[in-house]
Amino acid sequence: MGGNHASRWKFGKQFGNSRHRFFHGPGLNNFDMALLKTTKITESKTLEFRFEAFNALNHPILGAPNTTFGTPLFGQITGTRLDNRELQFALRLIF
């Protein structure tokens, strides 16, 4: 291929030799679970008990690092992406 390919040239200043947007935050480790128990009360009525756990193993889901260059917090993770463990109970009467 001949000719002048402008797409090969980089314009503007670049600090270092890393590619653009190379830095990703920590991975995601999330385990949700649900348990369900159905009990027949009468022929036409049923009681359903449900238990749900979000982030059941309670792993911290860390947020992205601070990307503002020149600040004291540059590269540090200061929070989480999601809440910690959340438990939920439900009771349902079906008739």
Protein backbone atom coordinates (compact mmCIF):
# COMPACT_ATOMS: atom_id res chain seq x y z
CA MET A 1 0.00 0.00 0.00
CA GLY A 2 1.47 3.30 -0.99
CA GLY A 3 0.59 6.84 -0.27
CA ASN A 4 0.40 8.98 2.78
CA HIS A 5 -1.73 7.40 5.48
CA ALA A 6 -2.67 10.09 7.97
CA SER A 7 -4.19 7.49 10.28
CA ARG A 8 -0.69 6.29 11.21
CA TRP A 9 0.25 9.64 12.74
CA LYS A 10 -0.60 10.57 16.32
CA PHE A 11 -1.51 14.17 16.98
CA GLY A 12 -1.15 15.96 20.28
CA LYS A 13 1.02 15.22 23.29
CA GLN A 14 1.31 11.77 24.77
CA PHE A 15 2.89 11.03 28.13
CA GLY A 16 4.72 7.72 28.26
CA ASN A 17 4.32 4.81 25.87
CA SER A 18 1.13 3.13 27.14
CA ARG A 19 -1.79 2.68 24.82
CA HIS A 20 -4.91 4.82 25.24
CA ARG A 21 -7.29 3.69 28.04
CA PHE A 22 -5.19 0.69 29.02
CA PHE A 23 -6.09 0.86 32.71
CA HIS A 24 -9.12 -1.07 33.95
CA GLY A 25 -10.40 -1.31 37.48
CA PRO A 26 -10.54 -4.49 39.56
CA GLY A 27 -12.63 -7.45 38.46
CA LEU A 28 -16.15 -8.28 39.51
CA ASN A 29 -16.86 -11.15 41.88
CA ASN A 30 -20.57 -11.31 42.69
CA PHE A 31 -22.60 -14.33 43.81
CA ASP A 32 -26.40 -14.05 44.13
CA MET A 33 -28.66 -16.82 45.39
CA ALA A 34 -32.34 -17.51 46.07
CA LEU A 35 -34.21 -20.18 48.03
CA LEU A 36 -37.90 -20.87 47.56
CA LYS A 37 -40.29 -23.00 49.65
CA THR A 38 -43.86 -23.58 48.51
CA THR A 39 -46.46 -24.97 50.94
CA LYS A 40 -49.99 -25.99 50.01
CA ILE A 41 -52.42 -24.70 52.68
CA THR A 42 -55.67 -25.83 51.08
CA GLU A 43 -56.58 -27.09 47.64
CA SER A 44 -56.81 -23.55 46.25
CA LYS A 45 -54.39 -21.66 48.53
CA THR A 46 -50.61 -21.82 48.49
CA LEU A 47 -48.06 -20.07 50.68
CA GLU A 48 -44.70 -19.24 49.16
CA PHE A 49 -41.62 -18.26 51.20
CA ARG A 50 -38.69 -16.76 49.35
CA PHE A 51 -35.19 -15.83 50.57
CA GLU A 52 -32.79 -13.94 48.32
CA ALA A 53 -29.19 -12.89 48.95
CA PHE A 54 -27.40 -10.44 46.70
CA ASN A 55 -23.59 -10.54 46.94
CA ALA A 56 -24.07 -13.52 49.26
CA LEU A 57 -20.34 -14.10 49.84
CA ASN A 58 -19.91 -10.40 50.73
CA HIS A 59 -16.93 -9.77 48.47
CA PRO A 60 -16.15 -6.07 48.14
CA ILE A 61 -16.82 -4.89 44.60
CA LEU A 62 -14.28 -2.11 44.31
CA GLY A 63 -14.82 0.96 42.20
CA ALA A 64 -12.54 2.30 39.50
CA PRO A 65 -9.34 4.04 40.51
CA ASN A 66 -9.12 7.83 40.46
CA THR A 67 -7.83 8.88 37.04
CA THR A 68 -7.26 12.58 37.65
CA PHE A 69 -3.53 12.97 37.04
CA GLY A 70 -1.72 15.27 39.46
CA THR A 71 -4.04 14.83 42.44
CA PRO A 72 -2.99 13.06 45.66
CA LEU A 73 -5.64 10.36 45.06
CA PHE A 74 -4.40 9.47 41.55
CA GLY A 75 -4.52 5.69 41.06
CA GLN A 76 -6.24 5.03 44.39
CA ILE A 77 -9.58 3.27 44.84
CA THR A 78 -11.72 5.18 47.32
CA GLY A 79 -15.09 3.42 47.13
CA THR A 80 -17.16 0.47 45.99
CA ARG A 81 -19.31 0.01 42.89
CA LEU A 82 -22.19 -1.80 44.56
CA ASP A 83 -23.55 -2.16 48.07
CA ASN A 84 -22.40 -4.88 50.40
CA ARG A 85 -24.44 -8.00 51.09
CA GLU A 86 -28.20 -7.51 50.84
CA LEU A 87 -30.71 -10.05 52.19
CA GLN A 88 -34.38 -10.12 51.30
CA PHE A 89 -37.29 -12.20 52.63
CA ALA A 90 -40.72 -12.48 51.04
CA LEU A 91 -43.95 -14.24 51.96
CA ARG A 92 -46.65 -14.62 49.31
CA LEU A 93 -50.17 -16.02 49.55
CA ILE A 94 -51.53 -17.35 46.28
CA PHE A 95 -55.30 -17.93 46.07
